[in-house]
Amino acid sequence: MKEDVVTIRFRIKAEADGQCLARIIDHFAQEGLIPSSVLANHVGHVLDIVIEHPTMEIAAGQAMCSRMSRLIMVDTASVQHLPPR
């Protein structure tokens, strides 16, 4: 496995909108990727979302995070690089 391929964890805070989670997950679908886990908590007017993908290149994860952060309903988006599982 390439050294720049790691588990990527995305953390997103967004408006609690009915289409928000689907639009965020659509970024994975457009790349033909299936996350290993998706967790979304609805608290008040906020969705707190954590998405993991186990084998993503670091640059691809950063680019995807940047695209997700540009969605109008997203307040914050960050990415963590974890050792591959």
C-alpha atoms as a PDB file:
ATOM      1  CA  MET A   1       0.000   0.000   0.000  1.00  0.00           C
ATOM      2  CA  LYS A   2       1.272   3.476  -0.819  1.00  0.00           C
ATOM      3  CA  GLU A   3       2.585   5.558   2.055  1.00  0.00           C
ATOM      4  CA  ASP A   4       0.236   8.458   1.285  1.00  0.00           C
ATOM      5  CA  VAL A   5      -2.843   6.208   1.595  1.00  0.00           C
ATOM      6  CA  VAL A   6      -4.381   6.417   5.063  1.00  0.00           C
ATOM      7  CA  THR A   7      -7.696   6.269   6.864  1.00  0.00           C
ATOM      8  CA  ILE A   8      -9.327   9.666   6.481  1.00  0.00           C
ATOM      9  CA  ARG A   9     -11.796  10.982   9.064  1.00  0.00           C
ATOM     10  CA  PHE A  10     -13.934  13.940   8.063  1.00  0.00           C
ATOM     11  CA  ARG A  11     -15.660  16.040  10.735  1.00  0.00           C
ATOM     12  CA  ILE A  12     -18.406  18.325   9.495  1.00  0.00           C
ATOM     13  CA  LYS A  13     -20.756  20.688  11.294  1.00  0.00           C
ATOM     14  CA  ALA A  14     -23.666  21.787   9.159  1.00  0.00           C
ATOM     15  CA  GLU A  15     -27.198  23.109   9.229  1.00  0.00           C
ATOM     16  CA  ALA A  16     -29.791  20.513  10.149  1.00  0.00           C
ATOM     17  CA  ASP A  17     -31.351  20.447   6.689  1.00  0.00           C
ATOM     18  CA  GLY A  18     -33.132  17.452   5.168  1.00  0.00           C
ATOM     19  CA  GLN A  19     -30.782  17.336   2.159  1.00  0.00           C
ATOM     20  CA  CYS A  20     -27.522  18.147   3.926  1.00  0.00           C
ATOM     21  CA  LEU A  21     -26.299  14.625   4.694  1.00  0.00           C
ATOM     22  CA  ALA A  22     -27.190  13.390   1.194  1.00  0.00           C
ATOM     23  CA  ARG A  23     -25.270  16.262  -0.416  1.00  0.00           C
ATOM     24  CA  ILE A  24     -22.207  15.538   1.703  1.00  0.00           C
ATOM     25  CA  ILE A  25     -22.324  11.800   0.965  1.00  0.00           C
ATOM     26  CA  ASP A  26     -22.755  12.641  -2.732  1.00  0.00           C
ATOM     27  CA  HIS A  27     -19.111  13.783  -2.778  1.00  0.00           C
ATOM     28  CA  PHE A  28     -18.113  10.164  -2.100  1.00  0.00           C
ATOM     29  CA  ALA A  29     -20.555   8.805  -4.685  1.00  0.00           C
ATOM     30  CA  GLN A  30     -19.153  11.117  -7.371  1.00  0.00           C
ATOM     31  CA  GLU A  31     -15.717   9.564  -6.792  1.00  0.00           C
ATOM     32  CA  GLY A  32     -17.087   6.002  -6.654  1.00  0.00           C
ATOM     33  CA  LEU A  33     -16.125   5.716  -2.971  1.00  0.00           C
ATOM     34  CA  ILE A  34     -18.016   4.058  -0.136  1.00  0.00           C
ATOM     35  CA  PRO A  35     -17.211   5.333   3.386  1.00  0.00           C
ATOM     36  CA  SER A  36     -16.512   2.694   6.029  1.00  0.00           C
ATOM     37  CA  SER A  37     -18.608   4.615   8.558  1.00  0.00           C
ATOM     38  CA  VAL A  38     -20.989   7.564   8.685  1.00  0.00           C
ATOM     39  CA  LEU A  39     -22.253   9.014  11.959  1.00  0.00           C
ATOM     40  CA  ALA A  40     -24.637  11.970  12.071  1.00  0.00           C
ATOM     41  CA  ASN A  41     -26.044  13.507  15.237  1.00  0.00           C
ATOM     42  CA  HIS A  42     -28.836  16.073  15.067  1.00  0.00           C
ATOM     43  CA  VAL A  43     -28.600  18.551  17.934  1.00  0.00           C
ATOM     44  CA  GLY A  44     -30.841  21.608  17.707  1.00  0.00           C
ATOM     45  CA  HIS A  45     -30.225  23.271  14.355  1.00  0.00           C
ATOM     46  CA  VAL A  46     -26.886  21.525  13.785  1.00  0.00           C
ATOM     47  CA  LEU A  47     -25.805  18.233  12.242  1.00  0.00           C
ATOM     48  CA  ASP A  48     -22.543  16.905  13.657  1.00  0.00           C
ATOM     49  CA  ILE A  49     -21.193  14.460  11.047  1.00  0.00           C
ATOM     50  CA  VAL A  50     -18.198  12.098  11.171  1.00  0.00           C
ATOM     51  CA  ILE A  51     -17.306  10.115   8.050  1.00  0.00           C
ATOM     52  CA  GLU A  52     -14.390   7.687   7.673  1.00  0.00           C
ATOM     53  CA  HIS A  53     -12.850   6.181   4.569  1.00  0.00           C
ATOM     54  CA  PRO A  54     -10.180   3.518   5.225  1.00  0.00           C
ATOM     55  CA  THR A  55      -7.983   3.806   2.116  1.00  0.00           C
ATOM     56  CA  MET A  56      -7.821   7.319   0.720  1.00  0.00           C
ATOM     57  CA  GLU A  57      -4.847   9.299  -0.491  1.00  0.00           C
ATOM     58  CA  ILE A  58      -4.103  12.285   1.740  1.00  0.00           C
ATOM     59  CA  ALA A  59      -4.350  14.798  -1.119  1.00  0.00           C
ATOM     60  CA  ALA A  60      -7.705  13.366  -2.240  1.00  0.00           C
ATOM     61  CA  GLY A  61      -9.059  13.606   1.316  1.00  0.00           C
ATOM     62  CA  GLN A  62      -7.961  17.210   1.638  1.00  0.00           C
ATOM     63  CA  ALA A  63      -9.492  18.103  -1.729  1.00  0.00           C
ATOM     64  CA  MET A  64     -12.788  16.422  -0.806  1.00  0.00           C
ATOM     65  CA  CYS A  65     -12.864  18.245   2.537  1.00  0.00           C
ATOM     66  CA  SER A  66     -12.332  21.538   0.722  1.00  0.00           C
ATOM     67  CA  ARG A  67     -15.220  20.797  -1.668  1.00  0.00           C
ATOM     68  CA  MET A  68     -17.525  19.817   1.204  1.00  0.00           C
ATOM     69  CA  SER A  69     -16.670  22.998   3.117  1.00  0.00           C
ATOM     70  CA  ARG A  70     -17.926  25.056   0.169  1.00  0.00           C
ATOM     71  CA  LEU A  71     -21.457  23.672   0.498  1.00  0.00           C
ATOM     72  CA  ILE A  72     -23.700  26.511   1.656  1.00  0.00           C
ATOM     73  CA  MET A  73     -25.135  24.506   4.577  1.00  0.00           C
ATOM     74  CA  VAL A  74     -21.695  23.478   5.949  1.00  0.00           C
ATOM     75  CA  ASP A  75     -20.366  25.603   8.803  1.00  0.00           C
ATOM     76  CA  THR A  76     -17.043  23.786   9.299  1.00  0.00           C
ATOM     77  CA  ALA A  77     -15.269  20.826   7.736  1.00  0.00           C
ATOM     78  CA  SER A  78     -11.963  19.286   8.803  1.00  0.00           C
ATOM     79  CA  VAL A  79      -9.968  16.190   7.966  1.00  0.00           C
ATOM     80  CA  GLN A  80      -7.755  13.912  10.076  1.00  0.00           C
ATOM     81  CA  HIS A  81      -5.255  11.377   8.750  1.00  0.00           C
ATOM     82  CA  LEU A  82      -5.190   8.138  10.723  1.00  0.00           C
ATOM     83  CA  PRO A  83      -2.950   5.094  10.226  1.00  0.00           C
ATOM     84  CA  PRO A  84      -4.458   2.559   7.814  1.00  0.00           C
ATOM     85  CA  ARG A  85      -6.424  -0.228   9.461  1.00  0.00           C
END
